[in-house]
């Protein structure tokens, strides 16, 4: 079962630990997730649920 990610949640990229913790700013219907990582680096990650894990 795949976890659903929502706007406002904190996440980490599974393969890019150096990016630090990010906050989801948008999730579109095709699965692309926009995240602001530490240092104001904003990225759009296609099929983001495959690459991001939720951080509590």
N, C-alpha and C. Protein backbone atom coordinates (compact mmCIF):
# COMPACT_ATOMS: atom_id res chain seq x y z
N UNK A 1 0.84 -1.18 0.00
CA UNK A 1 0.00 0.00 0.00
C UNK A 1 0.88 1.24 0.00
N UNK A 2 0.61 2.17 -0.90
CA UNK A 2 1.41 3.38 -1.04
C UNK A 2 0.86 4.48 -0.14
N UNK A 3 1.74 5.17 0.56
CA UNK A 3 1.33 6.28 1.42
C UNK A 3 1.00 7.49 0.57
N UNK A 4 -0.02 8.20 0.93
CA UNK A 4 -0.39 9.42 0.22
C UNK A 4 0.27 10.61 0.89
N UNK A 5 0.79 11.50 0.08
CA UNK A 5 1.43 12.71 0.58
C UNK A 5 0.55 13.90 0.28
N UNK A 6 0.48 14.83 1.22
CA UNK A 6 -0.40 15.99 1.09
C UNK A 6 0.38 17.28 1.28
N UNK A 7 -0.20 18.34 0.76
CA UNK A 7 0.37 19.68 0.90
C UNK A 7 0.58 19.99 2.39
N UNK A 8 1.74 20.56 2.70
CA UNK A 8 2.05 20.94 4.07
C UNK A 8 2.85 19.92 4.85
N UNK A 9 2.97 18.69 4.34
CA UNK A 9 3.72 17.66 5.05
C UNK A 9 5.22 17.83 4.82
N UNK A 10 6.00 17.41 5.82
CA UNK A 10 7.45 17.42 5.72
C UNK A 10 7.91 16.09 5.15
N UNK A 11 8.88 16.14 4.23
CA UNK A 11 9.35 14.94 3.55
C UNK A 11 10.87 14.97 3.36
N UNK A 12 11.43 13.79 3.07
CA UNK A 12 12.83 13.65 2.66
C UNK A 12 12.85 12.87 1.37
N UNK A 13 13.82 13.17 0.50
CA UNK A 13 14.00 12.41 -0.73
C UNK A 13 14.80 11.16 -0.38
N UNK A 14 14.35 10.00 -0.86
CA UNK A 14 15.00 8.73 -0.51
C UNK A 14 16.44 8.64 -0.98
N UNK A 15 16.75 9.20 -2.15
CA UNK A 15 18.10 9.07 -2.72
C UNK A 15 18.95 10.32 -2.55
N UNK A 16 18.36 11.41 -2.11
CA UNK A 16 19.09 12.69 -2.01
C UNK A 16 19.03 13.25 -0.59
N UNK A 17 19.63 12.55 0.35
CA UNK A 17 19.62 12.97 1.75
C UNK A 17 20.24 14.35 1.93
N UNK A 18 21.18 14.72 1.03
CA UNK A 18 21.85 16.02 1.15
C UNK A 18 20.90 17.19 0.93
N UNK A 19 19.72 16.95 0.34
CA UNK A 19 18.74 18.02 0.15
C UNK A 19 18.07 18.40 1.47
N UNK A 20 18.17 17.54 2.47
CA UNK A 20 17.56 17.82 3.77
C UNK A 20 16.06 17.58 3.76
N UNK A 21 15.40 18.20 4.72
CA UNK A 21 13.96 18.06 4.87
C UNK A 21 13.26 19.14 4.06
N UNK A 22 12.20 18.74 3.39
CA UNK A 22 11.42 19.68 2.58
C UNK A 22 9.97 19.70 3.00
N UNK A 23 9.27 20.73 2.53
CA UNK A 23 7.84 20.86 2.79
C UNK A 23 7.10 20.83 1.47
N UNK A 24 6.06 20.00 1.37
CA UNK A 24 5.27 19.90 0.15
C UNK A 24 4.44 21.17 0.00
N UNK A 25 4.54 21.80 -1.18
CA UNK A 25 3.76 23.01 -1.45
C UNK A 25 2.63 22.76 -2.43
N UNK A 26 2.71 21.66 -3.20
CA UNK A 26 1.64 21.35 -4.14
C UNK A 26 1.74 19.90 -4.59
N UNK A 27 0.57 19.29 -4.82
CA UNK A 27 0.49 17.95 -5.38
C UNK A 27 -0.52 18.02 -6.51
N UNK A 28 -0.09 17.66 -7.74
CA UNK A 28 -1.06 17.72 -8.84
C UNK A 28 -1.64 16.33 -9.13
N UNK A 29 -2.64 16.29 -9.97
CA UNK A 29 -3.39 15.06 -10.21
C UNK A 29 -2.58 13.97 -10.88
N UNK A 30 -1.53 14.32 -11.61
CA UNK A 30 -0.73 13.29 -12.28
C UNK A 30 0.40 12.77 -11.39
N UNK A 31 0.49 13.25 -10.16
CA UNK A 31 1.47 12.72 -9.21
C UNK A 31 2.73 13.54 -9.03
N UNK A 32 2.84 14.66 -9.73
CA UNK A 32 4.01 15.52 -9.55
C UNK A 32 3.86 16.30 -8.24
N UNK A 33 4.92 16.29 -7.46
CA UNK A 33 4.89 16.96 -6.15
C UNK A 33 5.94 18.06 -6.15
N UNK A 34 5.52 19.29 -5.77
CA UNK A 34 6.45 20.42 -5.64
C UNK A 34 6.84 20.52 -4.17
N UNK A 35 8.15 20.59 -3.95
CA UNK A 35 8.69 20.59 -2.59
C UNK A 35 9.70 21.72 -2.45
N UNK A 36 9.65 22.42 -1.33
CA UNK A 36 10.70 23.39 -0.98
C UNK A 36 11.61 22.71 0.04
N UNK A 37 12.86 22.48 -0.37
CA UNK A 37 13.84 21.88 0.53
C UNK A 37 14.63 22.97 1.24
N UNK A 38 15.46 22.58 2.19
CA UNK A 38 16.28 23.52 2.95
C UNK A 38 17.06 24.40 1.99
N UNK A 39 17.20 25.66 2.34
CA UNK A 39 17.90 26.62 1.48
C UNK A 39 17.03 27.18 0.39
N UNK A 40 15.70 27.06 0.53
CA UNK A 40 14.72 27.57 -0.45
C UNK A 40 14.88 26.96 -1.83
N UNK A 41 15.36 25.75 -1.92
CA UNK A 41 15.45 25.03 -3.20
C UNK A 41 14.10 24.40 -3.49
N UNK A 42 13.42 24.89 -4.53
CA UNK A 42 12.11 24.38 -4.92
C UNK A 42 12.26 23.42 -6.09
N UNK A 43 11.70 22.22 -5.94
CA UNK A 43 11.80 21.21 -6.98
C UNK A 43 10.44 20.60 -7.26
N UNK A 44 10.21 20.25 -8.51
CA UNK A 44 9.04 19.48 -8.91
C UNK A 44 9.52 18.06 -9.17
N UNK A 45 8.92 17.10 -8.49
CA UNK A 45 9.35 15.72 -8.59
C UNK A 45 8.22 14.90 -9.20
N UNK A 46 8.43 14.42 -10.44
CA UNK A 46 7.43 13.59 -11.10
C UNK A 46 7.29 12.27 -10.35
N UNK A 47 6.05 11.82 -10.18
CA UNK A 47 5.77 10.59 -9.42
C UNK A 47 6.45 10.66 -8.05
N UNK A 48 6.31 11.80 -7.42
CA UNK A 48 7.02 12.08 -6.17
C UNK A 48 6.78 11.10 -5.05
N UNK A 49 5.61 10.46 -5.01
CA UNK A 49 5.33 9.51 -3.93
C UNK A 49 6.29 8.32 -3.97
N UNK A 50 6.91 8.05 -5.13
CA UNK A 50 7.88 6.97 -5.24
C UNK A 50 9.23 7.34 -4.65
N UNK A 51 9.51 8.64 -4.54
CA UNK A 51 10.84 9.09 -4.14
C UNK A 51 10.89 9.81 -2.80
N UNK A 52 9.74 10.14 -2.25
CA UNK A 52 9.69 10.91 -1.01
C UNK A 52 9.13 10.07 0.14
N UNK A 53 9.67 10.31 1.33
CA UNK A 53 9.14 9.67 2.53
C UNK A 53 8.74 10.75 3.52
N UNK A 54 7.67 10.50 4.22
CA UNK A 54 7.13 11.45 5.20
C UNK A 54 8.03 11.50 6.43
N UNK A 55 8.25 12.69 6.95
CA UNK A 55 9.05 12.91 8.15
C UNK A 55 8.12 13.49 9.21
N UNK A 56 8.19 12.93 10.41
CA UNK A 56 7.31 13.45 11.47
C UNK A 56 7.95 14.56 12.26
